[in-house]
Amino acid sequence: MAERLSVSVISPERTVFEGVADMVVATAWDGEVGILRHHAPMLALLGEGELRIRAGTQEQRFFVAGGFLQVVDDRVTILSERAQAD
C-alpha cells in the first residue's frame, strides 16, 4: 500500500492537480469530508467551496464547484465541473 494518497483533480478543461498528499479536505454537498490514508472506498457529491490538499507542511488550495470525489485504495479522484487554484 502507498505511503501517501495519490490525488487527481480534473476539470473538463484540464488536469488541475496530479500528485501525492497526506490529507485531502473537500466540500461535499452536505458538509466537509476529510480523507486520510486507508480511507474506506467512497463516492461523494461535491458542493461549491474549497478543496485543500496537504503534503507534509505544504498545503494547496483550490476552488471547486460541483462534481464528484472518489476514494479507492488510497487514490482520490476529484472530477469537478469547475476547478481552479485559489
N, C-alpha and C. Protein backbone atom coordinates (compact mmCIF):
# COMPACT_ATOMS: atom_id res chain seq x y z
N MET A 1 0.83 -1.18 0.00
CA MET A 1 0.00 0.00 0.00
C MET A 1 0.88 1.25 0.00
N ALA A 2 0.42 2.30 -0.61
CA ALA A 2 1.19 3.54 -0.73
C ALA A 2 1.37 4.21 0.62
N GLU A 3 2.45 4.99 0.73
CA GLU A 3 2.69 5.75 1.96
C GLU A 3 1.90 7.03 2.00
N ARG A 4 1.42 7.47 0.84
CA ARG A 4 0.62 8.69 0.74
C ARG A 4 -0.56 8.45 -0.17
N LEU A 5 -1.47 9.39 -0.14
CA LEU A 5 -2.60 9.36 -1.07
C LEU A 5 -2.13 9.81 -2.45
N SER A 6 -2.65 9.21 -3.47
CA SER A 6 -2.43 9.66 -4.84
C SER A 6 -3.67 10.48 -5.20
N VAL A 7 -3.47 11.74 -5.63
CA VAL A 7 -4.59 12.66 -5.82
C VAL A 7 -4.60 13.21 -7.24
N SER A 8 -5.79 13.23 -7.85
CA SER A 8 -6.01 13.86 -9.16
C SER A 8 -7.21 14.77 -9.05
N VAL A 9 -7.05 16.01 -9.53
CA VAL A 9 -8.15 16.96 -9.61
C VAL A 9 -8.32 17.30 -11.09
N ILE A 10 -9.49 16.96 -11.63
CA ILE A 10 -9.70 17.07 -13.07
C ILE A 10 -10.95 17.90 -13.35
N SER A 11 -10.80 18.88 -14.25
CA SER A 11 -11.94 19.66 -14.73
C SER A 11 -12.13 19.34 -16.21
N PRO A 12 -13.23 19.79 -16.82
CA PRO A 12 -13.42 19.49 -18.24
C PRO A 12 -12.29 20.04 -19.13
N GLU A 13 -11.67 21.13 -18.69
CA GLU A 13 -10.63 21.77 -19.50
C GLU A 13 -9.26 21.12 -19.37
N ARG A 14 -8.93 20.63 -18.15
CA ARG A 14 -7.57 20.16 -17.92
C ARG A 14 -7.46 19.42 -16.58
N THR A 15 -6.30 18.80 -16.39
CA THR A 15 -5.97 18.24 -15.08
C THR A 15 -5.39 19.39 -14.26
N VAL A 16 -6.06 19.73 -13.17
CA VAL A 16 -5.68 20.88 -12.35
C VAL A 16 -4.56 20.52 -11.37
N PHE A 17 -4.59 19.27 -10.88
CA PHE A 17 -3.57 18.81 -9.92
C PHE A 17 -3.40 17.32 -10.09
N GLU A 18 -2.15 16.88 -10.02
CA GLU A 18 -1.82 15.46 -10.03
C GLU A 18 -0.62 15.31 -9.11
N GLY A 19 -0.77 14.56 -8.02
CA GLY A 19 0.35 14.41 -7.10
C GLY A 19 -0.01 13.56 -5.90
N VAL A 20 0.82 13.67 -4.86
CA VAL A 20 0.60 12.90 -3.64
C VAL A 20 0.25 13.83 -2.50
N ALA A 21 -0.41 13.27 -1.49
CA ALA A 21 -0.84 14.07 -0.34
C ALA A 21 -0.96 13.18 0.88
N ASP A 22 -0.92 13.83 2.04
CA ASP A 22 -1.18 13.16 3.31
C ASP A 22 -2.65 13.26 3.69
N MET A 23 -3.30 14.34 3.21
CA MET A 23 -4.69 14.58 3.58
C MET A 23 -5.37 15.40 2.50
N VAL A 24 -6.65 15.11 2.27
CA VAL A 24 -7.49 15.88 1.36
C VAL A 24 -8.76 16.26 2.11
N VAL A 25 -9.13 17.54 2.04
CA VAL A 25 -10.38 18.00 2.65
C VAL A 25 -11.18 18.69 1.54
N ALA A 26 -12.41 18.23 1.32
CA ALA A 26 -13.24 18.76 0.24
C ALA A 26 -14.61 19.16 0.78
N THR A 27 -15.26 20.06 0.07
CA THR A 27 -16.62 20.47 0.41
C THR A 27 -17.60 19.60 -0.36
N ALA A 28 -18.25 18.71 0.37
CA ALA A 28 -19.30 17.88 -0.23
C ALA A 28 -20.59 18.69 -0.21
N TRP A 29 -21.64 18.17 -0.83
CA TRP A 29 -22.90 18.92 -0.90
C TRP A 29 -23.54 19.09 0.48
N ASP A 30 -23.17 18.21 1.44
CA ASP A 30 -23.78 18.29 2.76
C ASP A 30 -22.77 18.58 3.88
N GLY A 31 -21.58 19.09 3.53
CA GLY A 31 -20.57 19.43 4.53
C GLY A 31 -19.18 19.00 4.08
N GLU A 32 -18.20 19.23 4.93
CA GLU A 32 -16.82 18.88 4.58
C GLU A 32 -16.55 17.40 4.81
N VAL A 33 -15.66 16.86 3.97
CA VAL A 33 -15.23 15.48 4.13
C VAL A 33 -13.70 15.48 4.12
N GLY A 34 -13.11 14.75 5.06
CA GLY A 34 -11.66 14.64 5.15
C GLY A 34 -11.22 13.23 4.79
N ILE A 35 -10.15 13.13 4.01
CA ILE A 35 -9.66 11.84 3.54
C ILE A 35 -8.21 11.68 4.00
N LEU A 36 -7.92 10.58 4.68
CA LEU A 36 -6.57 10.19 5.07
C LEU A 36 -6.28 8.82 4.45
N ARG A 37 -5.04 8.36 4.55
CA ARG A 37 -4.68 7.03 4.05
C ARG A 37 -5.58 5.96 4.67
N HIS A 38 -5.80 4.91 3.93
CA HIS A 38 -6.60 3.76 4.36
C HIS A 38 -8.09 4.10 4.54
N HIS A 39 -8.55 5.18 3.91
CA HIS A 39 -9.96 5.54 3.99
C HIS A 39 -10.78 4.47 3.26
N ALA A 40 -11.95 4.21 3.76
CA ALA A 40 -12.84 3.25 3.11
C ALA A 40 -13.23 3.77 1.72
N PRO A 41 -13.49 2.87 0.78
CA PRO A 41 -13.94 3.32 -0.54
C PRO A 41 -15.19 4.20 -0.39
N MET A 42 -15.25 5.24 -1.21
CA MET A 42 -16.32 6.21 -1.04
C MET A 42 -16.53 6.99 -2.34
N LEU A 43 -17.75 7.43 -2.54
CA LEU A 43 -18.10 8.33 -3.63
C LEU A 43 -18.94 9.43 -3.02
N ALA A 44 -18.56 10.70 -3.25
CA ALA A 44 -19.28 11.83 -2.67
C ALA A 44 -19.61 12.84 -3.75
N LEU A 45 -20.77 13.45 -3.62
CA LEU A 45 -21.19 14.53 -4.50
C LEU A 45 -20.61 15.83 -3.94
N LEU A 46 -19.88 16.57 -4.77
CA LEU A 46 -19.25 17.80 -4.32
C LEU A 46 -20.20 18.98 -4.39
N GLY A 47 -20.01 19.90 -3.46
CA GLY A 47 -20.73 21.16 -3.49
C GLY A 47 -19.81 22.23 -4.07
N GLU A 48 -20.03 23.45 -3.68
CA GLU A 48 -19.19 24.56 -4.13
C GLU A 48 -18.38 25.03 -2.93
N GLY A 49 -17.06 25.06 -3.08
CA GLY A 49 -16.23 25.51 -1.97
C GLY A 49 -14.78 25.15 -2.15
N GLU A 50 -14.09 25.12 -1.03
CA GLU A 50 -12.64 24.94 -1.02
C GLU A 50 -12.25 23.47 -0.97
N LEU A 51 -11.19 23.17 -1.69
CA LEU A 51 -10.55 21.85 -1.66
C LEU A 51 -9.14 22.09 -1.15
N ARG A 52 -8.75 21.36 -0.10
CA ARG A 52 -7.40 21.51 0.46
C ARG A 52 -6.66 20.19 0.32
N ILE A 53 -5.44 20.29 -0.20
CA ILE A 53 -4.58 19.11 -0.37
C ILE A 53 -3.30 19.38 0.39
N ARG A 54 -3.04 18.56 1.43
CA ARG A 54 -1.87 18.77 2.28
C ARG A 54 -0.87 17.64 2.09
N ALA A 55 0.38 18.03 1.85
CA ALA A 55 1.50 17.09 1.76
C ALA A 55 2.60 17.62 2.68
N GLY A 56 2.81 16.94 3.81
CA GLY A 56 3.78 17.43 4.80
C GLY A 56 3.29 18.76 5.36
N THR A 57 4.14 19.78 5.29
CA THR A 57 3.77 21.10 5.80
C THR A 57 3.19 22.00 4.70
N GLN A 58 3.19 21.52 3.47
CA GLN A 58 2.67 22.30 2.34
C GLN A 58 1.19 22.02 2.14
N GLU A 59 0.43 23.08 1.89
CA GLU A 59 -0.99 22.92 1.61
C GLU A 59 -1.35 23.72 0.36
N GLN A 60 -2.03 23.06 -0.56
CA GLN A 60 -2.52 23.73 -1.76
C GLN A 60 -4.02 23.83 -1.65
N ARG A 61 -4.55 24.97 -2.10
CA ARG A 61 -5.99 25.20 -2.03
C ARG A 61 -6.55 25.44 -3.43
N PHE A 62 -7.74 24.90 -3.64
CA PHE A 62 -8.42 25.03 -4.92
C PHE A 62 -9.87 25.38 -4.65
N PHE A 63 -10.51 26.00 -5.64
CA PHE A 63 -11.95 26.23 -5.59
C PHE A 63 -12.58 25.22 -6.53
N VAL A 64 -13.57 24.48 -6.05
CA VAL A 64 -14.29 23.53 -6.89
C VAL A 64 -15.79 23.82 -6.80
N ALA A 65 -16.47 23.56 -7.89
CA ALA A 65 -17.92 23.77 -7.93
C ALA A 65 -18.55 22.57 -8.62
N GLY A 66 -19.20 21.74 -7.83
CA GLY A 66 -19.89 20.57 -8.35
C GLY A 66 -18.95 19.46 -8.76
N GLY A 67 -19.51 18.32 -9.01
CA GLY A 67 -18.73 17.17 -9.43
C GLY A 67 -18.76 16.05 -8.41
N PHE A 68 -17.73 15.19 -8.49
CA PHE A 68 -17.68 14.01 -7.64
C PHE A 68 -16.28 13.82 -7.06
N LEU A 69 -16.22 13.18 -5.90
CA LEU A 69 -14.97 12.77 -5.27
C LEU A 69 -15.06 11.27 -5.08
N GLN A 70 -14.03 10.55 -5.52
CA GLN A 70 -13.99 9.10 -5.37
C GLN A 70 -12.73 8.72 -4.62
N VAL A 71 -12.88 7.79 -3.67
CA VAL A 71 -11.73 7.25 -2.94
C VAL A 71 -11.72 5.73 -3.13
N VAL A 72 -10.60 5.20 -3.65
CA VAL A 72 -10.42 3.76 -3.81
C VAL A 72 -8.94 3.46 -3.63
N ASP A 73 -8.59 2.60 -2.67
CA ASP A 73 -7.21 2.15 -2.46
C ASP A 73 -6.20 3.29 -2.39
N ASP A 74 -6.43 4.25 -1.51
CA ASP A 74 -5.53 5.39 -1.31
C ASP A 74 -5.36 6.25 -2.56
N ARG A 75 -6.32 6.19 -3.45
CA ARG A 75 -6.35 7.06 -4.63
C ARG A 75 -7.60 7.91 -4.56
N VAL A 76 -7.40 9.25 -4.58
CA VAL A 76 -8.50 10.20 -4.52
C VAL A 76 -8.61 10.87 -5.89
N THR A 77 -9.77 10.74 -6.51
CA THR A 77 -10.03 11.37 -7.80
C THR A 77 -11.17 12.36 -7.64
N ILE A 78 -10.92 13.60 -8.03
CA ILE A 78 -11.92 14.65 -7.96
C ILE A 78 -12.22 15.09 -9.38
N LEU A 79 -13.46 14.88 -9.81
CA LEU A 79 -13.93 15.32 -11.11
C LEU A 79 -14.90 16.46 -10.85
N SER A 80 -14.52 17.67 -11.26
CA SER A 80 -15.32 18.84 -10.94
C SER A 80 -15.69 19.62 -12.19
N GLU A 81 -16.90 20.17 -12.18
CA GLU A 81 -17.35 21.00 -13.28
C GLU A 81 -16.49 22.25 -13.42
N ARG A 82 -16.03 22.77 -12.27
CA ARG A 82 -15.11 23.91 -12.23
C ARG A 82 -14.09 23.66 -11.15
N ALA A 83 -12.83 23.75 -11.50
CA ALA A 83 -11.75 23.58 -10.52
C ALA A 83 -10.62 24.53 -10.89
N GLN A 84 -10.20 25.33 -9.91
CA GLN A 84 -9.10 26.27 -10.17
C GLN A 84 -8.33 26.50 -8.88
N ALA A 85 -7.03 26.81 -9.04
CA ALA A 85 -6.18 27.09 -7.88
C ALA A 85 -6.67 28.37 -7.21
N ASP A 86 -6.64 28.38 -5.89
CA ASP A 86 -7.01 29.56 -5.12
C ASP A 86 -5.95 30.62 -5.17
